[in-house]
């Protein structure tokens, strides 16, 4: 039986109180730190760093399991429901079922997401609020893909790829 190496229960400032329904690998750096992005059913987004730790440090963290080799630290968290005109509250029982999200692998604080309301970009380092992108005439975004060089592909319900 496998045991979790890091337990988020009781983690100070842990933002997710509903199940996480999207988990995305964001990037891995040369020094071994990886980043993942999460989206839960309540519209909360968070980005975490995962890094390997020396075994002698495990006594200092209550969230580490015995013999764990990896630790998580949160970079940031944000709740999409706090922003007007981002999520249509009347469309779905699970507000995030149709949300697609892509993080920039070079800077996870810069990400794109789509909802039934449109395509948005967020730069947590600058404006810190979702900015709706101009996609007039293309219907709702249905899929996103962002490559390592920052090129974003977006598929729309009308069949177009942008």
N, C-alpha and C. Protein backbone atom coordinates (compact mmCIF):
# COMPACT_ATOMS: atom_id res chain seq x y z
N UNK A 1 0.84 -1.17 0.00
CA UNK A 1 0.00 0.00 0.00
C UNK A 1 0.89 1.25 0.00
N UNK A 2 0.60 2.19 -0.88
CA UNK A 2 1.33 3.44 -0.97
C UNK A 2 0.79 4.44 0.05
N UNK A 3 1.67 5.25 0.59
CA UNK A 3 1.27 6.28 1.53
C UNK A 3 1.60 7.64 0.92
N UNK A 4 0.73 8.60 1.11
CA UNK A 4 0.99 9.95 0.60
C UNK A 4 2.24 10.51 1.25
N UNK A 5 3.06 11.21 0.45
CA UNK A 5 4.30 11.75 1.01
C UNK A 5 4.07 13.12 1.65
N UNK A 6 3.01 13.81 1.27
CA UNK A 6 2.73 15.12 1.82
C UNK A 6 1.23 15.23 2.03
N UNK A 7 0.81 15.62 3.19
CA UNK A 7 -0.60 15.70 3.53
C UNK A 7 -1.01 17.17 3.62
N UNK A 8 -2.01 17.57 2.84
CA UNK A 8 -2.46 18.97 2.84
C UNK A 8 -3.45 19.26 3.96
N UNK A 9 -4.03 18.24 4.58
CA UNK A 9 -4.96 18.47 5.68
C UNK A 9 -4.26 19.22 6.80
N UNK A 10 -4.87 20.28 7.26
CA UNK A 10 -4.29 21.07 8.33
C UNK A 10 -3.21 22.03 7.87
N UNK A 11 -2.95 22.09 6.56
CA UNK A 11 -1.93 22.99 6.03
C UNK A 11 -2.39 24.43 6.22
N UNK A 12 -1.58 25.24 6.85
CA UNK A 12 -1.95 26.63 7.13
C UNK A 12 -2.22 27.38 5.83
N UNK A 13 -3.40 27.97 5.72
CA UNK A 13 -3.77 28.73 4.54
C UNK A 13 -4.24 27.87 3.38
N UNK A 14 -4.52 26.58 3.61
CA UNK A 14 -4.95 25.69 2.53
C UNK A 14 -6.26 26.20 1.95
N UNK A 15 -6.33 26.47 0.63
CA UNK A 15 -7.49 27.16 0.06
C UNK A 15 -8.64 26.27 -0.39
N UNK A 16 -8.43 24.95 -0.52
CA UNK A 16 -9.44 24.09 -1.13
C UNK A 16 -10.31 23.41 -0.09
N UNK A 17 -11.61 23.73 -0.13
CA UNK A 17 -12.57 23.10 0.78
C UNK A 17 -13.56 22.22 0.03
N UNK A 18 -13.42 22.16 -1.27
CA UNK A 18 -14.22 21.27 -2.13
C UNK A 18 -13.23 20.38 -2.88
N UNK A 19 -13.72 19.30 -3.46
CA UNK A 19 -12.81 18.40 -4.20
C UNK A 19 -12.12 19.11 -5.37
N UNK A 20 -10.85 18.78 -5.56
CA UNK A 20 -10.10 19.29 -6.71
C UNK A 20 -10.50 18.47 -7.92
N UNK A 21 -10.94 19.16 -8.99
CA UNK A 21 -11.35 18.41 -10.17
C UNK A 21 -10.44 18.63 -11.37
N UNK A 22 -9.46 19.51 -11.26
CA UNK A 22 -8.45 19.65 -12.31
C UNK A 22 -7.09 19.83 -11.64
N UNK A 23 -6.14 19.02 -12.09
CA UNK A 23 -4.78 19.06 -11.58
C UNK A 23 -3.87 19.08 -12.80
N UNK A 24 -3.05 20.12 -12.94
CA UNK A 24 -2.25 20.33 -14.13
C UNK A 24 -0.78 20.46 -13.79
N UNK A 25 0.06 19.71 -14.50
CA UNK A 25 1.49 19.90 -14.37
C UNK A 25 1.84 21.20 -15.09
N UNK A 26 2.58 22.09 -14.42
CA UNK A 26 2.90 23.39 -15.00
C UNK A 26 4.31 23.40 -15.56
N UNK A 27 5.29 23.05 -14.74
CA UNK A 27 6.68 23.12 -15.21
C UNK A 27 7.61 22.38 -14.27
N UNK A 28 8.84 22.20 -14.73
CA UNK A 28 9.91 21.67 -13.90
C UNK A 28 11.16 22.46 -14.20
N UNK A 29 11.84 22.93 -13.15
CA UNK A 29 13.03 23.74 -13.33
C UNK A 29 14.28 22.87 -13.27
N UNK A 30 15.40 23.45 -13.60
CA UNK A 30 16.68 22.74 -13.60
C UNK A 30 17.03 22.24 -12.20
N UNK A 31 16.71 23.01 -11.17
CA UNK A 31 17.06 22.62 -9.81
C UNK A 31 16.09 21.61 -9.19
N UNK A 32 15.17 21.06 -9.99
CA UNK A 32 14.31 19.98 -9.52
C UNK A 32 12.98 20.41 -8.93
N UNK A 33 12.71 21.70 -8.91
CA UNK A 33 11.42 22.16 -8.40
C UNK A 33 10.38 22.06 -9.51
N UNK A 34 9.26 21.44 -9.19
CA UNK A 34 8.16 21.33 -10.14
C UNK A 34 7.02 22.22 -9.66
N UNK A 35 6.15 22.60 -10.58
CA UNK A 35 4.97 23.39 -10.22
C UNK A 35 3.74 22.68 -10.76
N UNK A 36 2.67 22.65 -9.95
CA UNK A 36 1.38 22.11 -10.38
C UNK A 36 0.30 23.16 -10.12
N UNK A 37 -0.74 23.10 -10.92
CA UNK A 37 -1.88 23.98 -10.74
C UNK A 37 -3.12 23.17 -10.41
N UNK A 38 -3.97 23.69 -9.55
CA UNK A 38 -5.18 23.00 -9.11
C UNK A 38 -6.39 23.90 -9.31
N UNK A 39 -7.53 23.28 -9.59
CA UNK A 39 -8.81 23.97 -9.65
C UNK A 39 -9.82 23.09 -8.94
N UNK A 40 -10.52 23.65 -7.95
CA UNK A 40 -11.52 22.83 -7.25
C UNK A 40 -12.93 23.17 -7.71
N UNK A 41 -13.91 22.44 -7.20
CA UNK A 41 -15.31 22.60 -7.61
C UNK A 41 -15.90 23.94 -7.21
N UNK A 42 -15.24 24.66 -6.32
CA UNK A 42 -15.73 25.95 -5.86
C UNK A 42 -15.11 27.11 -6.63
N UNK A 43 -14.28 26.83 -7.64
CA UNK A 43 -13.67 27.88 -8.44
C UNK A 43 -12.37 28.42 -7.87
N UNK A 44 -11.76 27.72 -6.92
CA UNK A 44 -10.50 28.16 -6.33
C UNK A 44 -9.34 27.56 -7.12
N UNK A 45 -8.44 28.44 -7.56
CA UNK A 45 -7.23 28.05 -8.28
C UNK A 45 -6.05 28.22 -7.34
N UNK A 46 -5.13 27.27 -7.37
CA UNK A 46 -3.89 27.43 -6.61
C UNK A 46 -2.74 26.83 -7.40
N UNK A 47 -1.54 27.37 -7.19
CA UNK A 47 -0.33 26.84 -7.80
C UNK A 47 0.63 26.49 -6.68
N UNK A 48 1.23 25.30 -6.79
CA UNK A 48 2.10 24.75 -5.76
C UNK A 48 3.46 24.41 -6.34
N UNK A 49 4.51 24.64 -5.56
CA UNK A 49 5.83 24.14 -5.89
C UNK A 49 6.02 22.81 -5.18
N UNK A 50 6.61 21.86 -5.86
CA UNK A 50 6.94 20.57 -5.27
C UNK A 50 8.45 20.40 -5.41
N UNK A 51 9.11 20.11 -4.31
CA UNK A 51 10.55 19.93 -4.39
C UNK A 51 11.00 18.81 -3.47
N UNK A 52 12.15 18.24 -3.84
CA UNK A 52 12.72 17.14 -3.07
C UNK A 52 13.44 17.71 -1.86
N UNK A 53 13.31 17.03 -0.74
CA UNK A 53 13.94 17.50 0.49
C UNK A 53 14.91 16.44 1.01
N UNK A 54 15.93 16.87 1.70
CA UNK A 54 16.82 15.89 2.35
C UNK A 54 16.07 15.21 3.49
N UNK A 55 16.37 13.96 3.73
CA UNK A 55 15.64 13.19 4.74
C UNK A 55 15.81 13.73 6.15
N UNK A 56 16.89 14.45 6.42
CA UNK A 56 17.11 14.95 7.78
C UNK A 56 16.20 16.12 8.13
N UNK A 57 15.48 16.72 7.17
CA UNK A 57 14.59 17.86 7.43
C UNK A 57 13.16 17.46 7.76
N UNK A 58 12.82 16.17 7.69
CA UNK A 58 11.42 15.79 7.79
C UNK A 58 10.83 15.98 9.18
N UNK A 59 11.63 16.12 10.22
CA UNK A 59 11.09 16.33 11.56
C UNK A 59 10.49 17.73 11.72
N UNK A 60 10.81 18.64 10.83
CA UNK A 60 10.43 20.04 10.98
C UNK A 60 9.08 20.37 10.34
N UNK A 61 8.44 19.42 9.68
CA UNK A 61 7.19 19.70 8.98
C UNK A 61 6.16 18.65 9.34
N UNK A 62 5.07 19.06 9.97
CA UNK A 62 4.02 18.13 10.39
C UNK A 62 3.25 17.54 9.23
N UNK A 63 3.32 18.16 8.03
CA UNK A 63 2.57 17.67 6.89
C UNK A 63 3.30 16.58 6.12
N UNK A 64 4.57 16.32 6.46
CA UNK A 64 5.33 15.28 5.78
C UNK A 64 5.11 13.93 6.43
N UNK A 65 4.96 12.92 5.61
CA UNK A 65 4.86 11.55 6.11
C UNK A 65 6.26 11.02 6.39
N UNK A 66 6.33 9.96 7.16
CA UNK A 66 7.61 9.34 7.50
C UNK A 66 8.31 8.90 6.22
N UNK A 67 9.59 9.20 6.10
CA UNK A 67 10.44 8.88 4.95
C UNK A 67 10.03 9.59 3.66
N UNK A 68 9.27 10.66 3.76
CA UNK A 68 8.86 11.41 2.57
C UNK A 68 10.07 12.12 1.96
N UNK A 69 10.05 12.27 0.65
CA UNK A 69 11.16 12.92 -0.05
C UNK A 69 10.73 14.19 -0.78
N UNK A 70 9.43 14.50 -0.76
CA UNK A 70 8.93 15.67 -1.48
C UNK A 70 8.06 16.52 -0.56
N UNK A 71 8.12 17.81 -0.81
CA UNK A 71 7.34 18.77 -0.03
C UNK A 71 6.63 19.72 -0.99
N UNK A 72 5.50 20.24 -0.55
CA UNK A 72 4.74 21.21 -1.35
C UNK A 72 4.67 22.55 -0.63
N UNK A 73 4.82 23.63 -1.39
CA UNK A 73 4.60 24.97 -0.87
C UNK A 73 3.70 25.71 -1.86
N UNK A 74 2.77 26.48 -1.35
CA UNK A 74 1.83 27.19 -2.21
C UNK A 74 2.43 28.50 -2.70
N UNK A 75 2.36 28.72 -4.03
CA UNK A 75 2.79 29.99 -4.62
C UNK A 75 1.70 31.04 -4.47
N UNK A 76 0.48 30.69 -4.87
CA UNK A 76 -0.64 31.61 -4.75
C UNK A 76 -1.95 30.85 -4.86
N UNK A 77 -3.01 31.53 -4.49
CA UNK A 77 -4.36 30.98 -4.59
C UNK A 77 -5.30 32.13 -4.97
N UNK A 78 -6.35 31.80 -5.71
CA UNK A 78 -7.31 32.80 -6.12
C UNK A 78 -8.67 32.14 -6.30
N UNK A 79 -9.75 32.86 -6.05
CA UNK A 79 -11.10 32.33 -6.21
C UNK A 79 -11.78 33.04 -7.37
N UNK A 80 -12.09 32.29 -8.44
CA UNK A 80 -12.70 32.87 -9.63
C UNK A 80 -14.10 33.40 -9.37
N UNK A 81 -14.78 32.88 -8.35
CA UNK A 81 -16.13 33.35 -8.05
C UNK A 81 -16.15 34.78 -7.50
N UNK A 82 -15.01 35.29 -7.10
CA UNK A 82 -14.96 36.65 -6.56
C UNK A 82 -15.00 37.73 -7.65
N UNK A 83 -14.83 37.32 -8.92
CA UNK A 83 -14.77 38.28 -10.01
C UNK A 83 -16.09 38.28 -10.77
N UNK A 84 -16.64 39.47 -11.05
CA UNK A 84 -17.92 39.53 -11.79
C UNK A 84 -17.73 39.12 -13.25
N UNK A 85 -18.76 38.52 -13.83
CA UNK A 85 -18.83 38.16 -15.25
C UNK A 85 -17.75 37.17 -15.69
N UNK A 86 -17.32 36.29 -14.78
CA UNK A 86 -16.34 35.26 -15.12
C UNK A 86 -17.01 33.90 -15.16
N UNK A 87 -17.85 33.60 -14.19
CA UNK A 87 -18.55 32.32 -14.12
C UNK A 87 -20.05 32.57 -14.15
N UNK A 88 -20.75 31.81 -15.01
CA UNK A 88 -22.21 31.88 -15.07
C UNK A 88 -22.76 30.98 -13.96
N UNK A 89 -23.23 31.58 -12.89
CA UNK A 89 -23.67 30.83 -11.71
C UNK A 89 -24.92 30.00 -11.95
N UNK A 90 -25.66 30.28 -13.01
CA UNK A 90 -26.93 29.61 -13.23
C UNK A 90 -26.85 28.48 -14.25
N UNK A 91 -25.68 28.25 -14.85
CA UNK A 91 -25.55 27.25 -15.90
C UNK A 91 -25.34 25.84 -15.38
N UNK A 92 -24.55 25.70 -14.33
CA UNK A 92 -24.13 24.37 -13.90
C UNK A 92 -24.29 24.22 -12.40
N UNK A 93 -24.54 22.98 -11.99
CA UNK A 93 -24.51 22.68 -10.57
C UNK A 93 -23.07 22.71 -10.07
N UNK A 94 -22.15 22.10 -10.87
CA UNK A 94 -20.73 22.18 -10.59
C UNK A 94 -20.19 23.32 -11.44
N UNK A 95 -19.90 24.44 -10.80
CA UNK A 95 -19.51 25.65 -11.53
C UNK A 95 -18.26 25.48 -12.37
N UNK A 96 -17.39 24.58 -12.00
CA UNK A 96 -16.10 24.47 -12.70
C UNK A 96 -16.04 23.30 -13.67
N UNK A 97 -17.14 22.60 -13.90
CA UNK A 97 -17.12 21.43 -14.78
C UNK A 97 -16.64 21.77 -16.18
N UNK A 98 -16.95 22.95 -16.67
CA UNK A 98 -16.57 23.31 -18.04
C UNK A 98 -15.37 24.25 -18.11
N UNK A 99 -14.72 24.53 -17.00
CA UNK A 99 -13.57 25.44 -17.02
C UNK A 99 -12.33 24.69 -17.48
N UNK A 100 -11.65 25.28 -18.45
CA UNK A 100 -10.33 24.79 -18.89
C UNK A 100 -9.31 25.80 -18.40
N UNK A 101 -8.11 25.31 -18.04
CA UNK A 101 -7.08 26.20 -17.50
C UNK A 101 -5.72 25.77 -18.01
N UNK A 102 -4.88 26.73 -18.36
CA UNK A 102 -3.51 26.50 -18.80
C UNK A 102 -2.61 27.53 -18.15
N UNK A 103 -1.51 27.06 -17.56
CA UNK A 103 -0.53 27.93 -16.91
C UNK A 103 0.69 28.10 -17.79
N UNK A 104 1.28 29.29 -17.77
CA UNK A 104 2.52 29.54 -18.49
C UNK A 104 3.64 28.77 -17.79
N UNK A 105 4.35 27.87 -18.50
CA UNK A 105 5.40 27.09 -17.84
C UNK A 105 6.58 27.92 -17.36
N UNK A 106 6.78 29.09 -17.93
CA UNK A 106 7.89 29.96 -17.50
C UNK A 106 7.50 30.79 -16.27
N UNK A 107 6.23 31.13 -16.16
CA UNK A 107 5.75 31.92 -15.03
C UNK A 107 4.33 31.48 -14.67
N UNK A 108 4.17 30.56 -13.70
CA UNK A 108 2.85 30.05 -13.36
C UNK A 108 1.88 31.11 -12.83
N UNK A 109 2.37 32.31 -12.52
CA UNK A 109 1.46 33.37 -12.09
C UNK A 109 0.71 33.99 -13.27
N UNK A 110 1.08 33.57 -14.47
CA UNK A 110 0.41 34.00 -15.70
C UNK A 110 -0.34 32.80 -16.25
N UNK A 111 -1.68 32.88 -16.34
CA UNK A 111 -2.44 31.74 -16.82
C UNK A 111 -3.67 32.18 -17.60
N UNK A 112 -4.19 31.26 -18.38
CA UNK A 112 -5.41 31.45 -19.16
C UNK A 112 -6.45 30.48 -18.65
N UNK A 113 -7.71 30.88 -18.70
CA UNK A 113 -8.79 29.94 -18.41
C UNK A 113 -10.01 30.33 -19.22
N UNK A 114 -10.87 29.33 -19.45
CA UNK A 114 -12.08 29.58 -20.21
C UNK A 114 -13.28 29.10 -19.41
N UNK A 115 -14.36 29.83 -19.55
CA UNK A 115 -15.64 29.47 -18.95
C UNK A 115 -16.71 29.67 -20.02
N UNK A 116 -17.95 29.41 -19.68
CA UNK A 116 -19.03 29.67 -20.63
C UNK A 116 -19.16 31.16 -20.92
N UNK A 117 -18.54 31.99 -20.10
CA UNK A 117 -18.59 33.45 -20.28
C UNK A 117 -17.50 33.97 -21.22
N UNK A 118 -16.50 33.13 -21.54
CA UNK A 118 -15.45 33.56 -22.46
C UNK A 118 -14.07 33.06 -22.09
N UNK A 119 -13.07 33.66 -22.74
CA UNK A 119 -11.66 33.32 -22.53
C UNK A 119 -11.02 34.46 -21.74
N UNK A 120 -10.27 34.09 -20.70
CA UNK A 120 -9.68 35.09 -19.80
C UNK A 120 -8.19 34.83 -19.63
N UNK A 121 -7.45 35.91 -19.36
CA UNK A 121 -6.05 35.75 -18.98
C UNK A 121 -5.85 36.47 -17.65
N UNK A 122 -4.92 35.94 -16.86
CA UNK A 122 -4.63 36.52 -15.54
C UNK A 122 -3.12 36.58 -15.39
N UNK A 123 -2.63 37.72 -14.93
CA UNK A 123 -1.23 37.86 -14.57
C UNK A 123 -1.19 38.29 -13.12
N UNK A 124 -0.98 37.32 -12.22
CA UNK A 124 -0.99 37.61 -10.79
C UNK A 124 0.11 38.58 -10.40
N UNK A 125 1.12 38.75 -11.25
CA UNK A 125 2.19 39.69 -10.95
C UNK A 125 1.83 41.13 -11.29
N UNK A 126 0.85 41.34 -12.19
CA UNK A 126 0.50 42.70 -12.62
C UNK A 126 -0.90 43.09 -12.17
N UNK A 127 -1.87 42.91 -13.06
CA UNK A 127 -3.22 43.42 -12.79
C UNK A 127 -3.99 42.59 -11.77
N UNK A 128 -3.66 41.31 -11.62
CA UNK A 128 -4.23 40.46 -10.57
C UNK A 128 -5.72 40.20 -10.73
N UNK A 129 -6.34 40.58 -11.83
CA UNK A 129 -7.75 40.29 -12.08
C UNK A 129 -7.88 39.67 -13.47
N UNK A 130 -8.86 38.80 -13.68
CA UNK A 130 -9.05 38.22 -15.01
C UNK A 130 -9.43 39.28 -16.04
N UNK A 131 -8.79 39.21 -17.19
CA UNK A 131 -9.07 40.11 -18.31
C UNK A 131 -9.71 39.28 -19.41
N UNK A 132 -10.91 39.66 -19.83
CA UNK A 132 -11.60 38.93 -20.89
C UNK A 132 -10.97 39.25 -22.23
N UNK A 133 -10.65 38.21 -22.99
CA UNK A 133 -10.03 38.39 -24.30
C UNK A 133 -11.12 38.49 -25.37
N UNK A 134 -10.83 39.20 -26.43
CA UNK A 134 -11.79 39.44 -27.49
C UNK A 134 -11.89 38.20 -28.39
N UNK A 135 -12.99 37.48 -28.27
CA UNK A 135 -13.25 36.30 -29.10
C UNK A 135 -14.64 36.40 -29.72
N UNK A 136 -15.04 37.59 -30.10
CA UNK A 136 -16.38 37.82 -30.64
C UNK A 136 -16.60 36.97 -31.89
N UNK A 137 -17.75 36.28 -31.93
CA UNK A 137 -18.12 35.47 -33.08
C UNK A 137 -17.59 34.05 -33.04
N UNK A 138 -16.91 33.65 -31.96
CA UNK A 138 -16.32 32.31 -31.91
C UNK A 138 -17.01 31.37 -30.94
N UNK A 139 -18.13 31.75 -30.37
CA UNK A 139 -18.84 30.92 -29.38
C UNK A 139 -17.99 30.71 -28.14
N UNK A 140 -18.30 29.68 -27.37
CA UNK A 140 -17.61 29.42 -26.09
C UNK A 140 -16.33 28.62 -26.32
N UNK A 141 -15.27 28.95 -25.57
CA UNK A 141 -14.05 28.14 -25.65
C UNK A 141 -14.30 26.76 -25.03
N UNK A 142 -13.76 25.70 -25.66
CA UNK A 142 -13.97 24.35 -25.17
C UNK A 142 -12.68 23.65 -24.77
N UNK A 143 -11.54 24.10 -25.28
CA UNK A 143 -10.26 23.46 -24.94
C UNK A 143 -9.13 24.48 -25.10
N UNK A 144 -8.12 24.37 -24.23
CA UNK A 144 -6.95 25.25 -24.28
C UNK A 144 -5.69 24.40 -24.29
N UNK A 145 -4.65 24.92 -24.95
CA UNK A 145 -3.34 24.28 -24.91
C UNK A 145 -2.29 25.38 -25.03
N UNK A 146 -1.35 25.40 -24.08
CA UNK A 146 -0.29 26.41 -24.06
C UNK A 146 1.04 25.69 -24.13
N UNK A 147 1.89 26.05 -25.12
CA UNK A 147 3.18 25.36 -25.23
C UNK A 147 4.26 26.09 -24.44
N UNK A 148 5.46 25.53 -24.43
CA UNK A 148 6.58 26.07 -23.64
C UNK A 148 7.03 27.45 -24.08
N UNK A 149 6.69 27.86 -25.30
CA UNK A 149 7.09 29.17 -25.78
C UNK A 149 5.99 30.22 -25.62
N UNK A 150 4.89 29.86 -24.97
CA UNK A 150 3.84 30.82 -24.68
C UNK A 150 2.77 30.95 -25.74
N UNK A 151 2.74 30.05 -26.73
CA UNK A 151 1.69 30.09 -27.75
C UNK A 151 0.45 29.37 -27.23
N UNK A 152 -0.68 30.06 -27.28
CA UNK A 152 -1.94 29.52 -26.79
C UNK A 152 -2.80 29.10 -27.97
N UNK A 153 -3.28 27.85 -27.92
CA UNK A 153 -4.28 27.37 -28.87
C UNK A 153 -5.60 27.26 -28.14
N UNK A 154 -6.67 27.72 -28.78
CA UNK A 154 -8.00 27.67 -28.17
C UNK A 154 -8.97 27.06 -29.18
N UNK A 155 -9.70 26.04 -28.76
CA UNK A 155 -10.76 25.48 -29.57
C UNK A 155 -12.10 26.03 -29.08
N UNK A 156 -12.99 26.29 -30.02
CA UNK A 156 -14.30 26.85 -29.68
C UNK A 156 -15.42 25.90 -30.07
N UNK A 157 -16.59 26.09 -29.45
CA UNK A 157 -17.72 25.20 -29.70
C UNK A 157 -18.24 25.29 -31.13
N UNK A 158 -17.87 26.34 -31.86
CA UNK A 158 -18.27 26.45 -33.28
C UNK A 158 -17.35 25.65 -34.19
N UNK A 159 -16.27 25.07 -33.64
CA UNK A 159 -15.34 24.27 -34.44
C UNK A 159 -14.07 25.03 -34.82
N UNK A 160 -14.00 26.30 -34.49
CA UNK A 160 -12.82 27.10 -34.84
C UNK A 160 -11.67 26.82 -33.86
N UNK A 161 -10.47 26.97 -34.36
CA UNK A 161 -9.26 26.94 -33.51
C UNK A 161 -8.58 28.27 -33.70
N UNK A 162 -8.25 28.90 -32.61
CA UNK A 162 -7.71 30.26 -32.61
C UNK A 162 -6.29 30.25 -32.12
